[in-house]
Amino acid sequence: MDDWLYALYCLSGVLFFYLVTSACLQRHTGEVDDQASLIPFADDPAVARRVEAATGKPVPAVAPDAALKA
């Protein structure tokens, strides 16, 4: 009987994880993915311009010195 309780406990944990993850991802959009994928290029304006030209998506580039002053 202990094996059944352990299996039920594990199954309820997996179900809880699935429900919480799906609830969090309901507000997730493709725009968020696009913004997150462009973050590594935002600190180098030259690279940001090249990525922007290649992908056609705007990269909000900020020079590192300007970011430190703000």
PDB file of N, CA and C in Angstrom:
ATOM      1  N   MET A   1       0.820  -1.202   0.000  1.00  0.00           N
ATOM      2  CA  MET A   1       0.000   0.000   0.000  1.00  0.00           C
ATOM      3  C   MET A   1       0.858   1.259   0.000  1.00  0.00           C
ATOM      4  N   ASP A   2       2.029   1.176   0.595  1.00  0.00           N
ATOM      5  CA  ASP A   2       2.908   2.333   0.626  1.00  0.00           C
ATOM      6  C   ASP A   2       3.375   2.719  -0.774  1.00  0.00           C
ATOM      7  N   ASP A   3       3.533   1.717  -1.651  1.00  0.00           N
ATOM      8  CA  ASP A   3       3.950   2.010  -3.023  1.00  0.00           C
ATOM      9  C   ASP A   3       2.890   2.824  -3.754  1.00  0.00           C
ATOM     10  N   TRP A   4       1.620   2.523  -3.516  1.00  0.00           N
ATOM     11  CA  TRP A   4       0.544   3.265  -4.149  1.00  0.00           C
ATOM     12  C   TRP A   4       0.496   4.705  -3.651  1.00  0.00           C
ATOM     13  N   LEU A   5       0.701   4.883  -2.363  1.00  0.00           N
ATOM     14  CA  LEU A   5       0.696   6.240  -1.820  1.00  0.00           C
ATOM     15  C   LEU A   5       1.867   7.054  -2.360  1.00  0.00           C
ATOM     16  N   TYR A   6       3.030   6.416  -2.469  1.00  0.00           N
ATOM     17  CA  TYR A   6       4.195   7.106  -3.018  1.00  0.00           C
ATOM     18  C   TYR A   6       3.955   7.471  -4.485  1.00  0.00           C
ATOM     19  N   ALA A   7       3.370   6.547  -5.245  1.00  0.00           N
ATOM     20  CA  ALA A   7       3.073   6.813  -6.656  1.00  0.00           C
ATOM     21  C   ALA A   7       2.050   7.948  -6.782  1.00  0.00           C
ATOM     22  N   LEU A   8       1.047   7.943  -5.925  1.00  0.00           N
ATOM     23  CA  LEU A   8       0.056   9.014  -5.945  1.00  0.00           C
ATOM     24  C   LEU A   8       0.685  10.354  -5.578  1.00  0.00           C
ATOM     25  N   TYR A   9       1.580  10.325  -4.600  1.00  0.00           N
ATOM     26  CA  TYR A   9       2.294  11.536  -4.192  1.00  0.00           C
ATOM     27  C   TYR A   9       3.139  12.081  -5.343  1.00  0.00           C
ATOM     28  N   CYS A  10       3.866  11.217  -6.019  1.00  0.00           N
ATOM     29  CA  CYS A  10       4.695  11.654  -7.155  1.00  0.00           C
ATOM     30  C   CYS A  10       3.840  12.164  -8.299  1.00  0.00           C
ATOM     31  N   LEU A  11       2.763  11.474  -8.588  1.00  0.00           N
ATOM     32  CA  LEU A  11       1.875  11.894  -9.665  1.00  0.00           C
ATOM     33  C   LEU A  11       1.244  13.245  -9.361  1.00  0.00           C
ATOM     34  N   SER A  12       0.857  13.461  -8.113  1.00  0.00           N
ATOM     35  CA  SER A  12       0.276  14.760  -7.769  1.00  0.00           C
ATOM     36  C   SER A  12       1.326  15.868  -7.869  1.00  0.00           C
ATOM     37  N   GLY A  13       2.582  15.579  -7.567  1.00  0.00           N
ATOM     38  CA  GLY A  13       3.648  16.568  -7.730  1.00  0.00           C
ATOM     39  C   GLY A  13       3.857  16.944  -9.181  1.00  0.00           C
ATOM     40  N   VAL A  14       3.859  15.956 -10.046  1.00  0.00           N
ATOM     41  CA  VAL A  14       4.022  16.212 -11.483  1.00  0.00           C
ATOM     42  C   VAL A  14       2.829  16.995 -12.019  1.00  0.00           C
ATOM     43  N   LEU A  15       1.636  16.631 -11.586  1.00  0.00           N
ATOM     44  CA  LEU A  15       0.436  17.342 -12.017  1.00  0.00           C
ATOM     45  C   LEU A  15       0.454  18.799 -11.544  1.00  0.00           C
ATOM     46  N   PHE A  16       0.867  19.020 -10.314  1.00  0.00           N
ATOM     47  CA  PHE A  16       0.962  20.376  -9.785  1.00  0.00           C
ATOM     48  C   PHE A  16       1.974  21.195 -10.581  1.00  0.00           C
ATOM     49  N   PHE A  17       3.141  20.609 -10.868  1.00  0.00           N
ATOM     50  CA  PHE A  17       4.168  21.296 -11.658  1.00  0.00           C
ATOM     51  C   PHE A  17       3.630  21.654 -13.038  1.00  0.00           C
ATOM     52  N   TYR A  18       2.909  20.731 -13.674  1.00  0.00           N
ATOM     53  CA  TYR A  18       2.348  20.979 -14.994  1.00  0.00           C
ATOM     54  C   TYR A  18       1.334  22.119 -14.958  1.00  0.00           C
ATOM     55  N   LEU A  19       0.452  22.096 -13.978  1.00  0.00           N
ATOM     56  CA  LEU A  19      -0.576  23.128 -13.887  1.00  0.00           C
ATOM     57  C   LEU A  19       0.011  24.502 -13.607  1.00  0.00           C
ATOM     58  N   VAL A  20       0.998  24.577 -12.724  1.00  0.00           N
ATOM     59  CA  VAL A  20       1.618  25.867 -12.414  1.00  0.00           C
ATOM     60  C   VAL A  20       2.385  26.399 -13.624  1.00  0.00           C
ATOM     61  N   THR A  21       3.117  25.532 -14.304  1.00  0.00           N
ATOM     62  CA  THR A  21       3.877  25.952 -15.483  1.00  0.00           C
ATOM     63  C   THR A  21       2.946  26.423 -16.597  1.00  0.00           C
ATOM     64  N   SER A  22       1.875  25.688 -16.838  1.00  0.00           N
ATOM     65  CA  SER A  22       0.953  26.102 -17.897  1.00  0.00           C
ATOM     66  C   SER A  22       0.245  27.405 -17.539  1.00  0.00           C
ATOM     67  N   ALA A  23      -0.049  27.622 -16.273  1.00  0.00           N
ATOM     68  CA  ALA A  23      -0.678  28.875 -15.858  1.00  0.00           C
ATOM     69  C   ALA A  23       0.280  30.048 -16.061  1.00  0.00           C
ATOM     70  N   CYS A  24       1.559  29.841 -15.790  1.00  0.00           N
ATOM     71  CA  CYS A  24       2.539  30.916 -15.974  1.00  0.00           C
ATOM     72  C   CYS A  24       2.767  31.219 -17.450  1.00  0.00           C
ATOM     73  N   LEU A  25       2.718  30.195 -18.288  1.00  0.00           N
ATOM     74  CA  LEU A  25       3.008  30.391 -19.707  1.00  0.00           C
ATOM     75  C   LEU A  25       1.804  30.862 -20.512  1.00  0.00           C
ATOM     76  N   GLN A  26       0.633  30.975 -19.907  1.00  0.00           N
ATOM     77  CA  GLN A  26      -0.522  31.471 -20.649  1.00  0.00           C
ATOM     78  C   GLN A  26      -0.326  32.914 -21.081  1.00  0.00           C
ATOM     79  N   ARG A  27       0.373  33.698 -20.279  1.00  0.00           N
ATOM     80  CA  ARG A  27       0.618  35.103 -20.625  1.00  0.00           C
ATOM     81  C   ARG A  27       1.852  35.267 -21.505  1.00  0.00           C
ATOM     82  N   HIS A  28       2.544  34.191 -21.792  1.00  0.00           N
ATOM     83  CA  HIS A  28       3.770  34.229 -22.577  1.00  0.00           C
ATOM     84  C   HIS A  28       3.420  34.404 -24.050  1.00  0.00           C
ATOM     85  N   THR A  29       4.095  35.334 -24.698  1.00  0.00           N
ATOM     86  CA  THR A  29       3.828  35.596 -26.113  1.00  0.00           C
ATOM     87  C   THR A  29       5.108  35.444 -26.927  1.00  0.00           C
ATOM     88  N   GLY A  30       4.956  35.428 -28.220  1.00  0.00           N
ATOM     89  CA  GLY A  30       6.104  35.357 -29.112  1.00  0.00           C
ATOM     90  C   GLY A  30       6.967  36.603 -29.039  1.00  0.00           C
ATOM     91  N   GLU A  31       6.346  37.726 -28.700  1.00  0.00           N
ATOM     92  CA  GLU A  31       7.099  38.981 -28.564  1.00  0.00           C
ATOM     93  C   GLU A  31       8.114  38.886 -27.415  1.00  0.00           C
ATOM     94  N   VAL A  32       7.744  38.208 -26.362  1.00  0.00           N
ATOM     95  CA  VAL A  32       8.654  38.024 -25.232  1.00  0.00           C
ATOM     96  C   VAL A  32       9.866  37.199 -25.671  1.00  0.00           C
ATOM     97  N   ASP A  33       9.633  36.167 -26.465  1.00  0.00           N
ATOM     98  CA  ASP A  33      10.741  35.358 -26.985  1.00  0.00           C
ATOM     99  C   ASP A  33      11.672  36.194 -27.853  1.00  0.00           C
ATOM    100  N   ASP A  34      11.087  37.027 -28.707  1.00  0.00           N
ATOM    101  CA  ASP A  34      11.901  37.873 -29.573  1.00  0.00           C
ATOM    102  C   ASP A  34      12.765  38.838 -28.759  1.00  0.00           C
ATOM    103  N   GLN A  35      12.175  39.462 -27.765  1.00  0.00           N
ATOM    104  CA  GLN A  35      12.931  40.397 -26.930  1.00  0.00           C
ATOM    105  C   GLN A  35      14.033  39.683 -26.163  1.00  0.00           C
ATOM    106  N   ALA A  36      13.737  38.511 -25.637  1.00  0.00           N
ATOM    107  CA  ALA A  36      14.734  37.764 -24.878  1.00  0.00           C
ATOM    108  C   ALA A  36      15.884  37.278 -25.764  1.00  0.00           C
ATOM    109  N   SER A  37      15.585  36.945 -27.008  1.00  0.00           N
ATOM    110  CA  SER A  37      16.640  36.464 -27.895  1.00  0.00           C
ATOM    111  C   SER A  37      17.564  37.586 -28.359  1.00  0.00           C
ATOM    112  N   LEU A  38      17.128  38.839 -28.259  1.00  0.00           N
ATOM    113  CA  LEU A  38      17.947  39.968 -28.696  1.00  0.00           C
ATOM    114  C   LEU A  38      18.743  40.605 -27.559  1.00  0.00           C
ATOM    115  N   ILE A  39      18.527  40.187 -26.328  1.00  0.00           N
ATOM    116  CA  ILE A  39      19.217  40.779 -25.178  1.00  0.00           C
ATOM    117  C   ILE A  39      20.741  40.671 -25.279  1.00  0.00           C
ATOM    118  N   PRO A  40      21.312  39.534 -25.728  1.00  0.00           N
ATOM    119  CA  PRO A  40      22.783  39.465 -25.777  1.00  0.00           C
ATOM    120  C   PRO A  40      23.437  40.501 -26.689  1.00  0.00           C
ATOM    121  N   PHE A  41      22.697  41.069 -27.619  1.00  0.00           N
ATOM    122  CA  PHE A  41      23.268  42.031 -28.568  1.00  0.00           C
ATOM    123  C   PHE A  41      23.030  43.475 -28.154  1.00  0.00           C
ATOM    124  N   ALA A  42      22.313  43.714 -27.078  1.00  0.00           N
ATOM    125  CA  ALA A  42      21.896  45.063 -26.725  1.00  0.00           C
ATOM    126  C   ALA A  42      23.025  45.931 -26.203  1.00  0.00           C
ATOM    127  N   ASP A  43      24.121  45.350 -25.710  1.00  0.00           N
ATOM    128  CA  ASP A  43      25.184  46.174 -25.130  1.00  0.00           C
ATOM    129  C   ASP A  43      26.249  46.573 -26.141  1.00  0.00           C
ATOM    130  N   ASP A  44      26.159  46.106 -27.361  1.00  0.00           N
ATOM    131  CA  ASP A  44      27.134  46.460 -28.393  1.00  0.00           C
ATOM    132  C   ASP A  44      26.379  47.060 -29.585  1.00  0.00           C
ATOM    133  N   PRO A  45      26.405  48.385 -29.737  1.00  0.00           N
ATOM    134  CA  PRO A  45      25.619  49.025 -30.798  1.00  0.00           C
ATOM    135  C   PRO A  45      25.968  48.548 -32.212  1.00  0.00           C
ATOM    136  N   ALA A  46      27.243  48.257 -32.473  1.00  0.00           N
ATOM    137  CA  ALA A  46      27.620  47.812 -33.823  1.00  0.00           C
ATOM    138  C   ALA A  46      27.018  46.444 -34.125  1.00  0.00           C
ATOM    139  N   VAL A  47      27.121  45.550 -33.185  1.00  0.00           N
ATOM    140  CA  VAL A  47      26.537  44.212 -33.371  1.00  0.00           C
ATOM    141  C   VAL A  47      25.014  44.312 -33.431  1.00  0.00           C
ATOM    142  N   ALA A  48      24.451  45.191 -32.624  1.00  0.00           N
ATOM    143  CA  ALA A  48      23.002  45.367 -32.632  1.00  0.00           C
ATOM    144  C   ALA A  48      22.516  45.826 -34.003  1.00  0.00           C
ATOM    145  N   ARG A  49      23.260  46.720 -34.646  1.00  0.00           N
ATOM    146  CA  ARG A  49      22.872  47.177 -35.984  1.00  0.00           C
ATOM    147  C   ARG A  49      22.951  46.035 -36.990  1.00  0.00           C
ATOM    148  N   ARG A  50      23.992  45.194 -36.895  1.00  0.00           N
ATOM    149  CA  ARG A  50      24.121  44.060 -37.822  1.00  0.00           C
ATOM    150  C   ARG A  50      22.988  43.052 -37.617  1.00  0.00           C
ATOM    151  N   VAL A  51      22.669  42.766 -36.359  1.00  0.00           N
ATOM    152  CA  VAL A  51      21.579  41.831 -36.076  1.00  0.00           C
ATOM    153  C   VAL A  51      20.253  42.409 -36.539  1.00  0.00           C
ATOM    154  N   GLU A  52      20.074  43.689 -36.331  1.00  0.00           N
ATOM    155  CA  GLU A  52      18.850  44.369 -36.767  1.00  0.00           C
ATOM    156  C   GLU A  52      18.717  44.312 -38.285  1.00  0.00           C
ATOM    157  N   ALA A  53      19.827  44.506 -38.992  1.00  0.00           N
ATOM    158  CA  ALA A  53      19.796  44.444 -40.457  1.00  0.00           C
ATOM    159  C   ALA A  53      19.527  43.019 -40.940  1.00  0.00           C
ATOM    160  N   ALA A  54      20.076  42.037 -40.235  1.00  0.00           N
ATOM    161  CA  ALA A  54      19.910  40.647 -40.660  1.00  0.00           C
ATOM    162  C   ALA A  54      18.523  40.098 -40.349  1.00  0.00           C
ATOM    163  N   THR A  55      17.966  40.474 -39.215  1.00  0.00           N
ATOM    164  CA  THR A  55      16.680  39.909 -38.807  1.00  0.00           C
ATOM    165  C   THR A  55      15.488  40.813 -39.106  1.00  0.00           C
ATOM    166  N   GLY A  56      15.732  42.109 -39.197  1.00  0.00           N
ATOM    167  CA  GLY A  56      14.642  43.045 -39.409  1.00  0.00           C
ATOM    168  C   GLY A  56      13.899  43.399 -38.132  1.00  0.00           C
ATOM    169  N   LYS A  57      14.391  42.906 -37.003  1.00  0.00           N
ATOM    170  CA  LYS A  57      13.766  43.203 -35.711  1.00  0.00           C
ATOM    171  C   LYS A  57      14.570  44.275 -34.998  1.00  0.00           C
ATOM    172  N   PRO A  58      13.921  45.254 -34.406  1.00  0.00           N
ATOM    173  CA  PRO A  58      14.656  46.315 -33.712  1.00  0.00           C
ATOM    174  C   PRO A  58      15.332  45.800 -32.446  1.00  0.00           C
ATOM    175  N   VAL A  59      16.601  46.163 -32.288  1.00  0.00           N
ATOM    176  CA  VAL A  59      17.375  45.789 -31.104  1.00  0.00           C
ATOM    177  C   VAL A  59      17.603  47.058 -30.297  1.00  0.00           C
ATOM    178  N   PRO A  60      17.105  47.131 -29.066  1.00  0.00           N
ATOM    179  CA  PRO A  60      17.302  48.335 -28.254  1.00  0.00           C
ATOM    180  C   PRO A  60      18.728  48.384 -27.722  1.00  0.00           C
ATOM    181  N   ALA A  61      19.648  48.902 -28.532  1.00  0.00           N
ATOM    182  CA  ALA A  61      21.067  48.916 -28.171  1.00  0.00           C
ATOM    183  C   ALA A  61      21.377  50.083 -27.250  1.00  0.00           C
ATOM    184  N   VAL A  62      22.141  49.785 -26.206  1.00  0.00           N
ATOM    185  CA  VAL A  62      22.599  50.794 -25.255  1.00  0.00           C
ATOM    186  C   VAL A  62      24.093  50.575 -25.073  1.00  0.00           C
ATOM    187  N   ALA A  63      24.869  51.632 -25.268  1.00  0.00           N
ATOM    188  CA  ALA A  63      26.311  51.529 -25.065  1.00  0.00           C
ATOM    189  C   ALA A  63      26.589  51.244 -23.586  1.00  0.00           C
ATOM    190  N   PRO A  64      27.594  50.440 -23.278  1.00  0.00           N
ATOM    191  CA  PRO A  64      27.872  50.093 -21.881  1.00  0.00           C
ATOM    192  C   PRO A  64      28.127  51.304 -20.993  1.00  0.00           C
ATOM    193  N   ASP A  65      28.830  52.319 -21.488  1.00  0.00           N
ATOM    194  CA  ASP A  65      29.097  53.502 -20.691  1.00  0.00           C
ATOM    195  C   ASP A  65      27.821  54.276 -20.369  1.00  0.00           C
ATOM    196  N   ALA A  66      26.935  54.349 -21.348  1.00  0.00           N
ATOM    197  CA  ALA A  66      25.670  55.050 -21.120  1.00  0.00           C
ATOM    198  C   ALA A  66      24.797  54.294 -20.112  1.00  0.00           C
ATOM    199  N   ALA A  67      24.899  52.997 -20.100  1.00  0.00           N
ATOM    200  CA  ALA A  67      24.118  52.213 -19.149  1.00  0.00           C
ATOM    201  C   ALA A  67      24.618  52.418 -17.736  1.00  0.00           C
ATOM    202  N   LEU A  68      25.927  52.623 -17.568  1.00  0.00           N
ATOM    203  CA  LEU A  68      26.483  52.814 -16.243  1.00  0.00           C
ATOM    204  C   LEU A  68      26.142  54.190 -15.671  1.00  0.00           C
ATOM    205  N   LYS A  69      26.021  55.202 -16.543  1.00  0.00           N
ATOM    206  CA  LYS A  69      25.724  56.559 -16.092  1.00  0.00           C
ATOM    207  C   LYS A  69      24.262  56.726 -15.686  1.00  0.00           C
ATOM    208  N   ALA A  70      23.375  55.952 -16.278  1.00  0.00           N
ATOM    209  CA  ALA A  70      21.933  56.105 -16.015  1.00  0.00           C
ATOM    210  C   ALA A  70      21.530  55.548 -14.682  1.00  0.00           C
TER     211      ALA A  70
END
